[in-house]
């Protein structure tokens, strides 16, 4: 039985419709993804009731769509549902709850997708950018304790700066070097959470490429809402 996988990034508002069997979702820090797996016939029946003939097989074959800002209501709904599930362990086991969620969520999602006159990303170009960003991320994660420049990334990936920058802006909504800084900050955070109280924060920071300790502390507090010393004291 064919199924349709629908992914919504609850932070950025990206909406991904997947009709294929498998897709690799690249997770960035603090990613919160809402997912619905639905019988494709049910989805198509809802399209017919809502008179959305523009969302046809050709549209679904593109797999990925995004319309900035139009999915805010979907995000809000899934965040609320996510909160209910976290607070009530057996929430989804209640009789009829799955049907009620489907009847609420599916029309809301379809309504959020603009008609064909709206602009969608070119899926082939986006997935090329996705692959490039993924390769860059893999290299970053494997070398967090080494100096990495934008020039280094370009040479390793055999790419010029412009395509690499575009890829990161499209996938992560930030530059490659900003993303690298985030990865390193998260690495420091993980290390400090398990470190001994006598551990020198400066040593851990330098291990992951932060040599200006004042600036490092500023970045750290902005991201985690606490100073490095507060993390290690817990």
Protein backbone atom coordinates (compact mmCIF):
# COMPACT_ATOMS: atom_id res chain seq x y z
CA UNK A 1 0.00 0.00 0.00
CA UNK A 2 1.61 3.33 -1.03
CA UNK A 3 2.25 5.82 1.73
CA UNK A 4 3.12 9.50 1.72
CA UNK A 5 5.61 10.82 4.24
CA UNK A 6 5.14 14.43 5.24
CA UNK A 7 7.87 16.20 7.19
CA UNK A 8 7.59 19.69 8.70
CA UNK A 9 10.56 21.41 10.32
CA UNK A 10 8.98 23.03 13.39
CA UNK A 11 11.72 25.66 13.62
CA UNK A 12 12.24 26.88 10.07
CA UNK A 13 8.84 26.09 8.53
CA UNK A 14 10.27 24.00 5.69
CA UNK A 15 7.76 21.44 4.46
CA UNK A 16 8.95 18.29 2.74
CA UNK A 17 6.52 15.90 1.04
CA UNK A 18 8.04 12.50 0.39
CA UNK A 19 6.43 9.79 -1.70
CA UNK A 20 9.60 7.68 -1.99
CA UNK A 21 10.46 4.79 0.32
CA UNK A 22 13.46 6.33 2.09
CA UNK A 23 15.09 9.69 2.57
CA UNK A 24 18.03 10.73 4.71
CA UNK A 25 17.14 13.75 6.83
CA UNK A 26 20.24 15.69 7.82
CA UNK A 27 19.82 16.94 11.37
CA UNK A 28 21.19 20.27 12.45
CA UNK A 29 21.50 21.31 16.10
CA UNK A 30 18.14 21.63 17.92
CA UNK A 31 16.18 20.27 14.96
CA UNK A 32 12.55 19.45 15.82
CA UNK A 33 10.77 17.63 13.02
CA UNK A 34 7.09 16.75 12.88
CA UNK A 35 6.32 13.68 10.78
CA UNK A 36 3.12 12.19 9.37
CA UNK A 37 2.96 8.90 7.47
CA UNK A 38 -0.36 8.57 5.69
CA UNK A 39 -2.06 6.30 3.21
CA UNK A 40 -1.71 8.10 -0.10
CA UNK A 41 -5.33 7.37 -1.03
CA UNK A 42 -6.53 9.21 2.10
CA UNK A 43 -4.35 12.17 1.18
CA UNK A 44 -5.68 12.22 -2.38
CA UNK A 45 -9.29 11.95 -1.13
CA UNK A 46 -8.72 15.01 1.02
CA UNK A 47 -7.24 16.85 -1.96
CA UNK A 48 -10.37 16.06 -3.96
CA UNK A 49 -12.71 17.29 -1.21
CA UNK A 50 -10.72 20.52 -0.92
CA UNK A 51 -10.64 20.89 -4.73
CA UNK A 52 -6.85 20.99 -4.91
CA UNK A 53 -6.31 19.49 -8.34
CA UNK A 54 -3.05 21.46 -8.58
CA UNK A 55 -1.46 19.06 -6.05
CA UNK A 56 -1.28 16.27 -8.59
CA UNK A 57 1.15 13.41 -9.26
CA UNK A 58 3.60 15.81 -10.89
CA UNK A 59 3.59 17.98 -7.78
CA UNK A 60 4.11 15.03 -5.44
CA UNK A 61 6.88 13.65 -7.65
CA UNK A 62 8.91 16.76 -6.80
CA UNK A 63 9.07 15.48 -3.20
CA UNK A 64 10.15 18.78 -1.68
CA UNK A 65 8.26 22.01 -1.38
CA UNK A 66 8.78 25.15 0.63
CA UNK A 67 6.93 28.39 0.91
CA UNK A 68 8.43 30.72 3.47
CA UNK A 69 5.98 31.70 6.20
CA UNK A 70 2.94 29.82 4.90
CA UNK A 71 3.35 26.85 7.25
CA UNK A 72 3.16 28.77 10.54
CA UNK A 73 -0.28 27.36 11.38
CA UNK A 74 0.99 23.82 10.70
CA UNK A 75 4.01 24.46 12.92
CA UNK A 76 1.80 25.77 15.74
CA UNK A 77 -0.52 22.76 15.50
CA UNK A 78 2.32 20.22 15.59
CA UNK A 79 4.08 22.02 18.44
CA UNK A 80 0.87 21.89 20.47
CA UNK A 81 0.40 18.20 19.64
CA UNK A 82 4.04 17.48 20.49
CA UNK A 83 3.54 19.13 23.89
CA UNK A 84 0.42 17.06 24.60
CA UNK A 85 2.20 13.82 23.73
CA UNK A 86 5.14 14.72 25.98
CA UNK A 87 2.86 15.58 28.91
CA UNK A 88 0.49 12.64 28.46
CA UNK A 89 2.24 9.33 27.73
CA UNK A 90 -0.92 7.59 26.49
CA UNK A 91 -2.42 10.52 24.61
CA UNK A 92 -2.19 8.85 21.20
CA UNK A 93 -3.73 5.63 22.55
CA UNK A 94 -7.06 7.31 23.25
CA UNK A 95 -9.97 6.07 21.08
CA UNK A 96 -10.55 8.09 17.92
CA UNK A 97 -7.59 10.43 18.63
CA UNK A 98 -5.68 9.38 15.49
CA UNK A 99 -8.74 10.05 13.31
CA UNK A 100 -9.34 13.44 14.96
CA UNK A 101 -5.70 14.45 14.48
CA UNK A 102 -5.84 13.39 10.84
CA UNK A 103 -9.07 15.31 10.23
CA UNK A 104 -7.58 18.45 11.80
CA UNK A 105 -4.03 18.27 10.52
CA UNK A 106 -4.39 17.15 6.92
CA UNK A 107 -6.74 19.95 5.75
CA UNK A 108 -4.58 22.46 7.64
CA UNK A 109 -1.48 21.23 5.82
CA UNK A 110 -3.12 21.21 2.39
CA UNK A 111 -4.54 24.69 2.96
CA UNK A 112 -1.04 25.93 3.80
CA UNK A 113 0.38 24.81 0.45
CA UNK A 114 0.05 27.71 -2.00
CA UNK A 115 -1.57 27.12 -5.38
CA UNK A 116 0.62 26.52 -8.41
CA UNK A 117 1.11 30.19 -8.98
CA UNK A 118 3.26 30.09 -5.83
CA UNK A 119 6.99 29.51 -6.22
CA UNK A 120 8.54 26.19 -5.29
CA UNK A 121 12.20 25.32 -5.17
CA UNK A 122 13.69 23.32 -7.98
CA UNK A 123 13.93 19.88 -6.32
CA UNK A 124 16.91 18.65 -8.35
CA UNK A 125 18.96 21.74 -7.55
CA UNK A 126 17.99 21.61 -3.89
CA UNK A 127 19.01 17.97 -3.50
CA UNK A 128 22.37 18.71 -5.17
CA UNK A 129 22.85 21.47 -2.63
CA UNK A 130 21.72 19.12 0.11
CA UNK A 131 24.32 16.53 -0.89
CA UNK A 132 27.07 19.15 -0.98
CA UNK A 133 26.11 20.48 2.46
CA UNK A 134 25.92 16.94 3.83
CA UNK A 135 29.43 16.11 2.63
CA UNK A 136 30.71 19.34 4.16
CA UNK A 137 28.98 18.56 7.45
CA UNK A 138 30.48 15.06 7.54
CA UNK A 139 33.96 16.52 7.07
CA UNK A 140 33.35 19.14 9.76
CA UNK A 141 32.15 16.56 12.29
CA UNK A 142 35.19 14.37 11.64
CA UNK A 143 37.61 17.28 12.12
CA UNK A 144 36.10 19.49 14.83
CA UNK A 145 39.43 19.59 16.65
CA UNK A 146 41.34 20.84 13.61
CA UNK A 147 41.51 24.26 11.96
CA UNK A 148 39.09 24.39 9.01
CA UNK A 149 38.77 27.31 6.62
CA UNK A 150 36.28 27.93 3.85
CA UNK A 151 39.13 27.40 1.40
CA UNK A 152 39.84 23.99 2.98
CA UNK A 153 36.22 22.94 2.54
CA UNK A 154 36.19 24.03 -1.09
CA UNK A 155 39.35 22.05 -1.84
CA UNK A 156 38.11 18.91 -0.04
CA UNK A 157 34.69 19.05 -1.72
CA UNK A 158 36.02 20.26 -5.08
CA UNK A 159 33.61 23.15 -5.02
CA UNK A 160 33.95 26.89 -5.32
CA UNK A 161 32.90 29.23 -2.51
CA UNK A 162 29.68 30.46 -4.11
CA UNK A 163 27.93 27.06 -4.58
CA UNK A 164 29.02 25.97 -1.09
CA UNK A 165 27.67 29.15 0.49
CA UNK A 166 24.40 28.82 -1.43
CA UNK A 167 24.08 25.18 -0.34
CA UNK A 168 24.46 26.04 3.34
CA UNK A 169 22.09 28.98 3.10
CA UNK A 170 19.45 26.76 1.48
CA UNK A 171 19.87 23.78 3.84
CA UNK A 172 20.90 25.38 7.15
CA UNK A 173 19.97 29.06 6.56
CA UNK A 174 23.49 30.09 7.57
CA UNK A 175 27.02 30.19 6.17
CA UNK A 176 29.40 27.19 6.33
CA UNK A 177 31.63 28.84 8.93
CA UNK A 178 28.69 29.84 11.14
CA UNK A 179 27.46 26.26 11.01
CA UNK A 180 30.95 24.99 11.88
CA UNK A 181 30.98 27.31 14.90
CA UNK A 182 27.63 25.86 16.03
CA UNK A 183 28.93 22.30 15.71
CA UNK A 184 31.99 23.20 17.76
CA UNK A 185 29.94 24.94 20.44
CA UNK A 186 27.76 21.86 20.77
CA UNK A 187 30.89 19.70 21.01
CA UNK A 188 32.22 21.88 23.85
CA UNK A 189 28.82 21.75 25.56
CA UNK A 190 28.77 17.94 25.44
CA UNK A 191 32.33 17.75 26.77
CA UNK A 192 31.64 20.14 29.66
CA UNK A 193 28.51 18.26 30.71
CA UNK A 194 30.58 15.15 31.48
CA UNK A 195 33.80 16.89 32.56
CA UNK A 196 35.28 16.79 36.05
CA UNK A 197 34.81 19.99 38.11
CA UNK A 198 38.56 20.60 37.99
CA UNK A 199 38.63 20.63 34.17
CA UNK A 200 39.90 23.87 32.67
CA UNK A 201 37.27 25.37 30.40
CA UNK A 202 39.95 27.08 28.34
CA UNK A 203 41.53 23.70 27.51
CA UNK A 204 38.22 22.28 26.27
CA UNK A 205 37.46 25.44 24.28
CA UNK A 206 40.86 25.40 22.60
CA UNK A 207 40.48 21.70 21.81
CA UNK A 208 37.60 22.67 19.53
CA UNK A 209 39.20 25.73 17.97
CA UNK A 210 38.09 28.57 20.27
CA UNK A 211 41.17 30.64 21.07
CA UNK A 212 39.51 33.92 22.03
CA UNK A 213 37.95 32.89 25.35
CA UNK A 214 35.92 36.07 25.87
CA UNK A 215 34.26 35.72 22.50
CA UNK A 216 33.79 31.98 23.07
CA UNK A 217 31.95 32.62 26.36
CA UNK A 218 29.72 35.14 24.60
CA UNK A 219 28.83 32.70 21.81
CA UNK A 220 28.27 29.91 24.36
CA UNK A 221 25.91 31.95 26.50
CA UNK A 222 23.92 33.13 23.49
CA UNK A 223 23.38 29.53 22.35
CA UNK A 224 22.87 27.68 25.64
CA UNK A 225 21.62 30.43 27.95
CA UNK A 226 24.39 29.86 30.48
CA UNK A 227 28.11 30.39 30.90
CA UNK A 228 30.52 27.48 30.36
CA UNK A 229 31.32 27.56 34.08
CA UNK A 230 27.64 27.02 34.89
CA UNK A 231 27.52 23.94 32.66
CA UNK A 232 30.53 22.32 34.27
CA UNK A 233 29.24 23.09 37.77
CA UNK A 234 26.06 21.05 37.28
